mmCIF file of all heavy atoms, coordinates in Angstrom:
data_MODEL
# 
_entry.id   MODEL 
# 
loop_
_atom_site.group_PDB 
_atom_site.id 
_atom_site.type_symbol 
_atom_site.label_atom_id 
_atom_site.label_alt_id 
_atom_site.label_comp_id 
_atom_site.label_asym_id 
_atom_site.label_entity_id 
_atom_site.label_seq_id 
_atom_site.pdbx_PDB_ins_code 
_atom_site.Cartn_x 
_atom_site.Cartn_y 
_atom_site.Cartn_z 
_atom_site.occupancy 
_atom_site.B_iso_or_equiv 
_atom_site.pdbx_formal_charge 
_atom_site.auth_seq_id 
_atom_site.auth_comp_id 
_atom_site.auth_asym_id 
_atom_site.auth_atom_id 
_atom_site.pdbx_PDB_model_num 
ATOM 1   N N   . VAL A 1 1  ? -39.815 29.265 -42.782 1.00 0.00 ? 1  VAL A N   1 
ATOM 2   C CA  . VAL A 1 1  ? -40.916 30.080 -43.303 1.00 0.00 ? 1  VAL A CA  1 
ATOM 3   C C   . VAL A 1 1  ? -40.426 31.513 -43.336 1.00 0.00 ? 1  VAL A C   1 
ATOM 4   O O   . VAL A 1 1  ? -39.748 31.957 -42.404 1.00 0.00 ? 1  VAL A O   1 
ATOM 5   C CB  . VAL A 1 1  ? -42.172 29.981 -42.416 1.00 0.00 ? 1  VAL A CB  1 
ATOM 6   C CG1 . VAL A 1 1  ? -43.305 30.798 -43.017 1.00 0.00 ? 1  VAL A CG1 1 
ATOM 7   C CG2 . VAL A 1 1  ? -42.588 28.543 -42.252 1.00 0.00 ? 1  VAL A CG2 1 
ATOM 8   N N   . TYR A 1 2  ? -40.774 32.212 -44.405 1.00 0.00 ? 2  TYR A N   1 
ATOM 9   C CA  . TYR A 1 2  ? -40.288 33.570 -44.587 1.00 0.00 ? 2  TYR A CA  1 
ATOM 10  C C   . TYR A 1 2  ? -41.463 34.533 -44.752 1.00 0.00 ? 2  TYR A C   1 
ATOM 11  O O   . TYR A 1 2  ? -42.529 34.157 -45.241 1.00 0.00 ? 2  TYR A O   1 
ATOM 12  C CB  . TYR A 1 2  ? -39.396 33.655 -45.829 1.00 0.00 ? 2  TYR A CB  1 
ATOM 13  C CG  . TYR A 1 2  ? -38.254 32.676 -45.814 1.00 0.00 ? 2  TYR A CG  1 
ATOM 14  C CD1 . TYR A 1 2  ? -38.333 31.478 -46.515 1.00 0.00 ? 2  TYR A CD1 1 
ATOM 15  C CD2 . TYR A 1 2  ? -37.091 32.947 -45.099 1.00 0.00 ? 2  TYR A CD2 1 
ATOM 16  C CE1 . TYR A 1 2  ? -37.289 30.568 -46.499 1.00 0.00 ? 2  TYR A CE1 1 
ATOM 17  C CE2 . TYR A 1 2  ? -36.038 32.048 -45.084 1.00 0.00 ? 2  TYR A CE2 1 
ATOM 18  C CZ  . TYR A 1 2  ? -36.146 30.866 -45.777 1.00 0.00 ? 2  TYR A CZ  1 
ATOM 19  O OH  . TYR A 1 2  ? -35.106 29.956 -45.759 1.00 0.00 ? 2  TYR A OH  1 
ATOM 20  N N   . LEU A 1 3  ? -41.236 35.761 -44.362 1.00 0.00 ? 3  LEU A N   1 
ATOM 21  C CA  . LEU A 1 3  ? -42.191 36.835 -44.632 1.00 0.00 ? 3  LEU A CA  1 
ATOM 22  C C   . LEU A 1 3  ? -41.408 38.004 -45.215 1.00 0.00 ? 3  LEU A C   1 
ATOM 23  O O   . LEU A 1 3  ? -40.668 38.665 -44.496 1.00 0.00 ? 3  LEU A O   1 
ATOM 24  C CB  . LEU A 1 3  ? -42.929 37.258 -43.368 1.00 0.00 ? 3  LEU A CB  1 
ATOM 25  C CG  . LEU A 1 3  ? -44.042 38.282 -43.590 1.00 0.00 ? 3  LEU A CG  1 
ATOM 26  C CD1 . LEU A 1 3  ? -45.193 37.659 -44.383 1.00 0.00 ? 3  LEU A CD1 1 
ATOM 27  C CD2 . LEU A 1 3  ? -44.557 38.834 -42.261 1.00 0.00 ? 3  LEU A CD2 1 
ATOM 28  N N   . GLN A 1 4  ? -41.555 38.199 -46.515 1.00 0.00 ? 4  GLN A N   1 
ATOM 29  C CA  . GLN A 1 4  ? -40.931 39.329 -47.183 1.00 0.00 ? 4  GLN A CA  1 
ATOM 30  C C   . GLN A 1 4  ? -41.865 40.519 -47.055 1.00 0.00 ? 4  GLN A C   1 
ATOM 31  O O   . GLN A 1 4  ? -43.020 40.444 -47.485 1.00 0.00 ? 4  GLN A O   1 
ATOM 32  C CB  . GLN A 1 4  ? -40.674 39.014 -48.651 1.00 0.00 ? 4  GLN A CB  1 
ATOM 33  C CG  . GLN A 1 4  ? -40.058 40.158 -49.433 1.00 0.00 ? 4  GLN A CG  1 
ATOM 34  C CD  . GLN A 1 4  ? -38.658 40.495 -48.967 1.00 0.00 ? 4  GLN A CD  1 
ATOM 35  O OE1 . GLN A 1 4  ? -37.843 39.622 -48.742 1.00 0.00 ? 4  GLN A OE1 1 
ATOM 36  N NE2 . GLN A 1 4  ? -38.380 41.798 -48.830 1.00 0.00 ? 4  GLN A NE2 1 
ATOM 37  N N   . MET A 1 5  ? -41.363 41.588 -46.467 1.00 0.00 ? 5  MET A N   1 
ATOM 38  C CA  . MET A 1 5  ? -42.184 42.768 -46.223 1.00 0.00 ? 5  MET A CA  1 
ATOM 39  C C   . MET A 1 5  ? -41.599 43.951 -46.980 1.00 0.00 ? 5  MET A C   1 
ATOM 40  O O   . MET A 1 5  ? -40.478 44.374 -46.698 1.00 0.00 ? 5  MET A O   1 
ATOM 41  C CB  . MET A 1 5  ? -42.232 43.072 -44.719 1.00 0.00 ? 5  MET A CB  1 
ATOM 42  C CG  . MET A 1 5  ? -42.694 41.889 -43.884 1.00 0.00 ? 5  MET A CG  1 
ATOM 43  S SD  . MET A 1 5  ? -42.927 42.302 -42.141 1.00 0.00 ? 5  MET A SD  1 
ATOM 44  C CE  . MET A 1 5  ? -41.252 42.712 -41.671 1.00 0.00 ? 5  MET A CE  1 
ATOM 45  N N   . ASN A 1 6  ? -42.356 44.447 -47.942 1.00 0.00 ? 6  ASN A N   1 
ATOM 46  C CA  . ASN A 1 6  ? -41.956 45.593 -48.740 1.00 0.00 ? 6  ASN A CA  1 
ATOM 47  C C   . ASN A 1 6  ? -42.909 46.753 -48.497 1.00 0.00 ? 6  ASN A C   1 
ATOM 48  O O   . ASN A 1 6  ? -44.030 46.550 -48.019 1.00 0.00 ? 6  ASN A O   1 
ATOM 49  C CB  . ASN A 1 6  ? -41.963 45.234 -50.226 1.00 0.00 ? 6  ASN A CB  1 
ATOM 50  C CG  . ASN A 1 6  ? -41.014 44.102 -50.563 1.00 0.00 ? 6  ASN A CG  1 
ATOM 51  O OD1 . ASN A 1 6  ? -39.937 43.976 -49.977 1.00 0.00 ? 6  ASN A OD1 1 
ATOM 52  N ND2 . ASN A 1 6  ? -41.400 43.273 -51.521 1.00 0.00 ? 6  ASN A ND2 1 
ATOM 53  N N   . GLY A 1 7  ? -42.462 47.938 -48.822 1.00 0.00 ? 7  GLY A N   1 
ATOM 54  C CA  . GLY A 1 7  ? -43.321 49.100 -48.652 1.00 0.00 ? 7  GLY A CA  1 
ATOM 55  C C   . GLY A 1 7  ? -43.815 49.269 -47.229 1.00 0.00 ? 7  GLY A C   1 
ATOM 56  O O   . GLY A 1 7  ? -44.982 49.580 -46.995 1.00 0.00 ? 7  GLY A O   1 
ATOM 57  N N   . LEU A 1 8  ? -42.921 49.072 -46.279 1.00 0.00 ? 8  LEU A N   1 
ATOM 58  C CA  . LEU A 1 8  ? -43.330 49.097 -44.872 1.00 0.00 ? 8  LEU A CA  1 
ATOM 59  C C   . LEU A 1 8  ? -43.856 50.463 -44.473 1.00 0.00 ? 8  LEU A C   1 
ATOM 60  O O   . LEU A 1 8  ? -43.380 51.504 -44.945 1.00 0.00 ? 8  LEU A O   1 
ATOM 61  C CB  . LEU A 1 8  ? -42.166 48.685 -43.985 1.00 0.00 ? 8  LEU A CB  1 
ATOM 62  C CG  . LEU A 1 8  ? -41.912 47.172 -43.957 1.00 0.00 ? 8  LEU A CG  1 
ATOM 63  C CD1 . LEU A 1 8  ? -40.511 46.859 -43.465 1.00 0.00 ? 8  LEU A CD1 1 
ATOM 64  C CD2 . LEU A 1 8  ? -42.962 46.480 -43.106 1.00 0.00 ? 8  LEU A CD2 1 
ATOM 65  N N   . LYS A 1 9  ? -44.845 50.423 -43.590 1.00 0.00 ? 9  LYS A N   1 
ATOM 66  C CA  . LYS A 1 9  ? -45.498 51.620 -43.087 1.00 0.00 ? 9  LYS A CA  1 
ATOM 67  C C   . LYS A 1 9  ? -45.361 51.666 -41.563 1.00 0.00 ? 9  LYS A C   1 
ATOM 68  O O   . LYS A 1 9  ? -45.215 50.618 -40.921 1.00 0.00 ? 9  LYS A O   1 
ATOM 69  C CB  . LYS A 1 9  ? -46.984 51.604 -43.455 1.00 0.00 ? 9  LYS A CB  1 
ATOM 70  C CG  . LYS A 1 9  ? -47.261 51.465 -44.941 1.00 0.00 ? 9  LYS A CG  1 
ATOM 71  C CD  . LYS A 1 9  ? -48.754 51.347 -45.195 1.00 0.00 ? 9  LYS A CD  1 
ATOM 72  C CE  . LYS A 1 9  ? -49.051 51.201 -46.686 1.00 0.00 ? 9  LYS A CE  1 
ATOM 73  N NZ  . LYS A 1 9  ? -50.506 51.083 -46.944 1.00 0.00 ? 9  LYS A NZ  1 
ATOM 74  N N   . PRO A 1 10 ? -45.437 52.840 -40.980 1.00 0.00 ? 10 PRO A N   1 
ATOM 75  C CA  . PRO A 1 10 ? -45.349 52.916 -39.507 1.00 0.00 ? 10 PRO A CA  1 
ATOM 76  C C   . PRO A 1 10 ? -46.371 52.023 -38.812 1.00 0.00 ? 10 PRO A C   1 
ATOM 77  O O   . PRO A 1 10 ? -46.089 51.468 -37.746 1.00 0.00 ? 10 PRO A O   1 
ATOM 78  C CB  . PRO A 1 10 ? -45.595 54.394 -39.222 1.00 0.00 ? 10 PRO A CB  1 
ATOM 79  C CG  . PRO A 1 10 ? -45.080 55.093 -40.438 1.00 0.00 ? 10 PRO A CG  1 
ATOM 80  C CD  . PRO A 1 10 ? -45.430 54.186 -41.580 1.00 0.00 ? 10 PRO A CD  1 
ATOM 81  N N   . GLU A 1 11 ? -47.538 51.846 -39.415 1.00 0.00 ? 11 GLU A N   1 
ATOM 82  C CA  . GLU A 1 11 ? -48.564 50.997 -38.806 1.00 0.00 ? 11 GLU A CA  1 
ATOM 83  C C   . GLU A 1 11 ? -48.229 49.511 -38.860 1.00 0.00 ? 11 GLU A C   1 
ATOM 84  O O   . GLU A 1 11 ? -48.955 48.694 -38.286 1.00 0.00 ? 11 GLU A O   1 
ATOM 85  C CB  . GLU A 1 11 ? -49.937 51.245 -39.435 1.00 0.00 ? 11 GLU A CB  1 
ATOM 86  C CG  . GLU A 1 11 ? -49.957 51.168 -40.942 1.00 0.00 ? 11 GLU A CG  1 
ATOM 87  C CD  . GLU A 1 11 ? -49.846 52.542 -41.600 1.00 0.00 ? 11 GLU A CD  1 
ATOM 88  O OE1 . GLU A 1 11 ? -49.024 53.365 -41.131 1.00 0.00 ? 11 GLU A OE1 1 
ATOM 89  O OE2 . GLU A 1 11 ? -50.583 52.768 -42.579 1.00 0.00 ? 11 GLU A OE2 1 
ATOM 90  N N   . ASP A 1 12 ? -47.152 49.150 -39.539 1.00 0.00 ? 12 ASP A N   1 
ATOM 91  C CA  . ASP A 1 12 ? -46.683 47.762 -39.516 1.00 0.00 ? 12 ASP A CA  1 
ATOM 92  C C   . ASP A 1 12 ? -45.813 47.480 -38.299 1.00 0.00 ? 12 ASP A C   1 
ATOM 93  O O   . ASP A 1 12 ? -45.428 46.327 -38.068 1.00 0.00 ? 12 ASP A O   1 
ATOM 94  C CB  . ASP A 1 12 ? -45.878 47.444 -40.785 1.00 0.00 ? 12 ASP A CB  1 
ATOM 95  C CG  . ASP A 1 12 ? -46.718 47.497 -42.040 1.00 0.00 ? 12 ASP A CG  1 
ATOM 96  O OD1 . ASP A 1 12 ? -47.857 46.989 -42.021 1.00 0.00 ? 12 ASP A OD1 1 
ATOM 97  O OD2 . ASP A 1 12 ? -46.225 48.044 -43.056 1.00 0.00 ? 12 ASP A OD2 1 
ATOM 98  N N   . THR A 1 13 ? -45.511 48.497 -37.522 1.00 0.00 ? 13 THR A N   1 
ATOM 99  C CA  . THR A 1 13 ? -44.705 48.315 -36.320 1.00 0.00 ? 13 THR A CA  1 
ATOM 100 C C   . THR A 1 13 ? -45.407 47.369 -35.351 1.00 0.00 ? 13 THR A C   1 
ATOM 101 O O   . THR A 1 13 ? -46.559 47.587 -34.977 1.00 0.00 ? 13 THR A O   1 
ATOM 102 C CB  . THR A 1 13 ? -44.449 49.664 -35.634 1.00 0.00 ? 13 THR A CB  1 
ATOM 103 O OG1 . THR A 1 13 ? -43.648 50.479 -36.495 1.00 0.00 ? 13 THR A OG1 1 
ATOM 104 C CG2 . THR A 1 13 ? -43.748 49.477 -34.303 1.00 0.00 ? 13 THR A CG2 1 
ATOM 105 N N   . ALA A 1 14 ? -44.704 46.302 -34.968 1.00 0.00 ? 14 ALA A N   1 
ATOM 106 C CA  . ALA A 1 14 ? -45.292 45.283 -34.098 1.00 0.00 ? 14 ALA A CA  1 
ATOM 107 C C   . ALA A 1 14 ? -44.242 44.225 -33.790 1.00 0.00 ? 14 ALA A C   1 
ATOM 108 O O   . ALA A 1 14 ? -43.178 44.186 -34.422 1.00 0.00 ? 14 ALA A O   1 
ATOM 109 C CB  . ALA A 1 14 ? -46.496 44.626 -34.773 1.00 0.00 ? 14 ALA A CB  1 
ATOM 110 N N   . VAL A 1 15 ? -44.576 43.370 -32.847 1.00 0.00 ? 15 VAL A N   1 
ATOM 111 C CA  . VAL A 1 15 ? -43.817 42.136 -32.677 1.00 0.00 ? 15 VAL A CA  1 
ATOM 112 C C   . VAL A 1 15 ? -44.460 41.097 -33.584 1.00 0.00 ? 15 VAL A C   1 
ATOM 113 O O   . VAL A 1 15 ? -45.675 40.890 -33.538 1.00 0.00 ? 15 VAL A O   1 
ATOM 114 C CB  . VAL A 1 15 ? -43.842 41.666 -31.215 1.00 0.00 ? 15 VAL A CB  1 
ATOM 115 C CG1 . VAL A 1 15 ? -43.092 40.334 -31.082 1.00 0.00 ? 15 VAL A CG1 1 
ATOM 116 C CG2 . VAL A 1 15 ? -43.225 42.713 -30.298 1.00 0.00 ? 15 VAL A CG2 1 
ATOM 117 N N   . TYR A 1 16 ? -43.647 40.466 -34.403 1.00 0.00 ? 16 TYR A N   1 
ATOM 118 C CA  . TYR A 1 16 ? -44.120 39.472 -35.358 1.00 0.00 ? 16 TYR A CA  1 
ATOM 119 C C   . TYR A 1 16 ? -43.808 38.076 -34.838 1.00 0.00 ? 16 TYR A C   1 
ATOM 120 O O   . TYR A 1 16 ? -42.664 37.796 -34.447 1.00 0.00 ? 16 TYR A O   1 
ATOM 121 C CB  . TYR A 1 16 ? -43.474 39.696 -36.719 1.00 0.00 ? 16 TYR A CB  1 
ATOM 122 C CG  . TYR A 1 16 ? -44.073 40.870 -37.458 1.00 0.00 ? 16 TYR A CG  1 
ATOM 123 C CD1 . TYR A 1 16 ? -43.833 42.177 -37.038 1.00 0.00 ? 16 TYR A CD1 1 
ATOM 124 C CD2 . TYR A 1 16 ? -44.901 40.682 -38.563 1.00 0.00 ? 16 TYR A CD2 1 
ATOM 125 C CE1 . TYR A 1 16 ? -44.408 43.250 -37.692 1.00 0.00 ? 16 TYR A CE1 1 
ATOM 126 C CE2 . TYR A 1 16 ? -45.463 41.759 -39.232 1.00 0.00 ? 16 TYR A CE2 1 
ATOM 127 C CZ  . TYR A 1 16 ? -45.217 43.042 -38.781 1.00 0.00 ? 16 TYR A CZ  1 
ATOM 128 O OH  . TYR A 1 16 ? -45.788 44.102 -39.436 1.00 0.00 ? 16 TYR A OH  1 
ATOM 129 N N   . TYR A 1 17 ? -44.831 37.220 -34.863 1.00 0.00 ? 17 TYR A N   1 
ATOM 130 C CA  . TYR A 1 17 ? -44.722 35.871 -34.347 1.00 0.00 ? 17 TYR A CA  1 
ATOM 131 C C   . TYR A 1 17 ? -44.947 34.845 -35.440 1.00 0.00 ? 17 TYR A C   1 
ATOM 132 O O   . TYR A 1 17 ? -45.869 34.983 -36.249 1.00 0.00 ? 17 TYR A O   1 
ATOM 133 C CB  . TYR A 1 17 ? -45.767 35.627 -33.255 1.00 0.00 ? 17 TYR A CB  1 
ATOM 134 C CG  . TYR A 1 17 ? -45.640 36.514 -32.044 1.00 0.00 ? 17 TYR A CG  1 
ATOM 135 C CD1 . TYR A 1 17 ? -46.322 37.721 -31.975 1.00 0.00 ? 17 TYR A CD1 1 
ATOM 136 C CD2 . TYR A 1 17 ? -44.845 36.129 -30.961 1.00 0.00 ? 17 TYR A CD2 1 
ATOM 137 C CE1 . TYR A 1 17 ? -46.206 38.540 -30.865 1.00 0.00 ? 17 TYR A CE1 1 
ATOM 138 C CE2 . TYR A 1 17 ? -44.736 36.937 -29.845 1.00 0.00 ? 17 TYR A CE2 1 
ATOM 139 C CZ  . TYR A 1 17 ? -45.426 38.143 -29.797 1.00 0.00 ? 17 TYR A CZ  1 
ATOM 140 O OH  . TYR A 1 17 ? -45.315 38.940 -28.687 1.00 0.00 ? 17 TYR A OH  1 
ATOM 141 N N   . CYS A 1 18 ? -44.147 33.800 -35.404 1.00 0.00 ? 18 CYS A N   1 
ATOM 142 C CA  . CYS A 1 18 ? -44.344 32.651 -36.273 1.00 0.00 ? 18 CYS A CA  1 
ATOM 143 C C   . CYS A 1 18 ? -45.237 31.652 -35.544 1.00 0.00 ? 18 CYS A C   1 
ATOM 144 O O   . CYS A 1 18 ? -45.126 31.489 -34.319 1.00 0.00 ? 18 CYS A O   1 
ATOM 145 C CB  . CYS A 1 18 ? -42.980 32.033 -36.576 1.00 0.00 ? 18 CYS A CB  1 
ATOM 146 S SG  . CYS A 1 18 ? -43.002 30.585 -37.648 1.00 0.00 ? 18 CYS A SG  1 
ATOM 147 N N   . ALA A 1 19 ? -46.112 30.974 -36.284 1.00 0.00 ? 19 ALA A N   1 
ATOM 148 C CA  . ALA A 1 19 ? -47.036 30.016 -35.681 1.00 0.00 ? 19 ALA A CA  1 
ATOM 149 C C   . ALA A 1 19 ? -47.196 28.798 -36.576 1.00 0.00 ? 19 ALA A C   1 
ATOM 150 O O   . ALA A 1 19 ? -47.089 28.895 -37.799 1.00 0.00 ? 19 ALA A O   1 
ATOM 151 C CB  . ALA A 1 19 ? -48.397 30.672 -35.454 1.00 0.00 ? 19 ALA A CB  1 
ATOM 152 N N   . ALA A 1 20 ? -47.467 27.656 -35.941 1.00 0.00 ? 20 ALA A N   1 
ATOM 153 C CA  . ALA A 1 20 ? -47.661 26.410 -36.677 1.00 0.00 ? 20 ALA A CA  1 
ATOM 154 C C   . ALA A 1 20 ? -48.886 25.682 -36.142 1.00 0.00 ? 20 ALA A C   1 
ATOM 155 O O   . ALA A 1 20 ? -49.063 25.578 -34.928 1.00 0.00 ? 20 ALA A O   1 
ATOM 156 C CB  . ALA A 1 20 ? -46.432 25.521 -36.552 1.00 0.00 ? 20 ALA A CB  1 
ATOM 157 N N   . ALA A 1 21 ? -49.691 25.178 -37.068 1.00 0.00 ? 21 ALA A N   1 
ATOM 158 C CA  . ALA A 1 21 ? -50.859 24.379 -36.712 1.00 0.00 ? 21 ALA A CA  1 
ATOM 159 C C   . ALA A 1 21 ? -50.697 22.991 -37.304 1.00 0.00 ? 21 ALA A C   1 
ATOM 160 O O   . ALA A 1 21 ? -50.489 22.844 -38.511 1.00 0.00 ? 21 ALA A O   1 
ATOM 161 C CB  . ALA A 1 21 ? -52.131 25.021 -37.239 1.00 0.00 ? 21 ALA A CB  1 
ATOM 162 N N   . THR A 1 22 ? -50.802 21.986 -36.461 1.00 0.00 ? 22 THR A N   1 
ATOM 163 C CA  . THR A 1 22 ? -50.604 20.601 -36.890 1.00 0.00 ? 22 THR A CA  1 
ATOM 164 C C   . THR A 1 22 ? -51.787 20.096 -37.698 1.00 0.00 ? 22 THR A C   1 
ATOM 165 O O   . THR A 1 22 ? -52.931 20.426 -37.398 1.00 0.00 ? 22 THR A O   1 
ATOM 166 C CB  . THR A 1 22 ? -50.429 19.700 -35.663 1.00 0.00 ? 22 THR A CB  1 
ATOM 167 O OG1 . THR A 1 22 ? -49.373 20.217 -34.858 1.00 0.00 ? 22 THR A OG1 1 
ATOM 168 C CG2 . THR A 1 22 ? -50.082 18.279 -36.081 1.00 0.00 ? 22 THR A CG2 1 
ATOM 169 N N   . GLY A 1 23 ? -51.487 19.306 -38.722 1.00 0.00 ? 23 GLY A N   1 
ATOM 170 C CA  . GLY A 1 23 ? -52.570 18.657 -39.437 1.00 0.00 ? 23 GLY A CA  1 
ATOM 171 C C   . GLY A 1 23 ? -52.872 19.320 -40.760 1.00 0.00 ? 23 GLY A C   1 
ATOM 172 O O   . GLY A 1 23 ? -52.666 20.509 -40.950 1.00 0.00 ? 23 GLY A O   1 
ATOM 173 N N   . TYR A 1 24 ? -53.403 18.493 -41.662 1.00 0.00 ? 24 TYR A N   1 
ATOM 174 C CA  . TYR A 1 24 ? -53.649 18.968 -43.016 1.00 0.00 ? 24 TYR A CA  1 
ATOM 175 C C   . TYR A 1 24 ? -54.846 19.907 -43.119 1.00 0.00 ? 24 TYR A C   1 
ATOM 176 O O   . TYR A 1 24 ? -54.980 20.634 -44.095 1.00 0.00 ? 24 TYR A O   1 
ATOM 177 C CB  . TYR A 1 24 ? -53.902 17.769 -43.936 1.00 0.00 ? 24 TYR A CB  1 
ATOM 178 C CG  . TYR A 1 24 ? -52.739 16.820 -44.014 1.00 0.00 ? 24 TYR A CG  1 
ATOM 179 C CD1 . TYR A 1 24 ? -52.723 15.635 -43.284 1.00 0.00 ? 24 TYR A CD1 1 
ATOM 180 C CD2 . TYR A 1 24 ? -51.649 17.108 -44.828 1.00 0.00 ? 24 TYR A CD2 1 
ATOM 181 C CE1 . TYR A 1 24 ? -51.651 14.772 -43.364 1.00 0.00 ? 24 TYR A CE1 1 
ATOM 182 C CE2 . TYR A 1 24 ? -50.575 16.249 -44.904 1.00 0.00 ? 24 TYR A CE2 1 
ATOM 183 C CZ  . TYR A 1 24 ? -50.583 15.076 -44.170 1.00 0.00 ? 24 TYR A CZ  1 
ATOM 184 O OH  . TYR A 1 24 ? -49.522 14.212 -44.251 1.00 0.00 ? 24 TYR A OH  1 
ATOM 185 N N   . ASN A 1 25 ? -55.718 19.916 -42.146 1.00 0.00 ? 25 ASN A N   1 
ATOM 186 C CA  . ASN A 1 25 ? -56.995 20.614 -42.282 1.00 0.00 ? 25 ASN A CA  1 
ATOM 187 C C   . ASN A 1 25 ? -57.107 21.875 -41.426 1.00 0.00 ? 25 ASN A C   1 
ATOM 188 O O   . ASN A 1 25 ? -58.206 22.382 -41.233 1.00 0.00 ? 25 ASN A O   1 
ATOM 189 C CB  . ASN A 1 25 ? -58.136 19.667 -41.921 1.00 0.00 ? 25 ASN A CB  1 
ATOM 190 C CG  . ASN A 1 25 ? -58.169 18.445 -42.821 1.00 0.00 ? 25 ASN A CG  1 
ATOM 191 O OD1 . ASN A 1 25 ? -57.967 18.570 -44.025 1.00 0.00 ? 25 ASN A OD1 1 
ATOM 192 N ND2 . ASN A 1 25 ? -58.385 17.288 -42.245 1.00 0.00 ? 25 ASN A ND2 1 
ATOM 193 N N   . ASN A 1 26 ? -56.003 22.374 -40.938 1.00 0.00 ? 26 ASN A N   1 
ATOM 194 C CA  . ASN A 1 26 ? -56.071 23.506 -40.012 1.00 0.00 ? 26 ASN A CA  1 
ATOM 195 C C   . ASN A 1 26 ? -55.666 24.829 -40.629 1.00 0.00 ? 26 ASN A C   1 
ATOM 196 O O   . ASN A 1 26 ? -55.337 25.772 -39.913 1.00 0.00 ? 26 ASN A O   1 
ATOM 197 C CB  . ASN A 1 26 ? -55.221 23.215 -38.784 1.00 0.00 ? 26 ASN A CB  1 
ATOM 198 C CG  . ASN A 1 26 ? -55.937 22.278 -37.826 1.00 0.00 ? 26 ASN A CG  1 
ATOM 199 O OD1 . ASN A 1 26 ? -57.159 22.331 -37.704 1.00 0.00 ? 26 ASN A OD1 1 
ATOM 200 N ND2 . ASN A 1 26 ? -55.190 21.432 -37.153 1.00 0.00 ? 26 ASN A ND2 1 
# 
């Protein structure tokens, strides 16, 4: 999974986490 981030701003500063939810309906 990718996250392309353009036009970054100082307020985008953070720790970024990947997450997964099991199942088709989540």
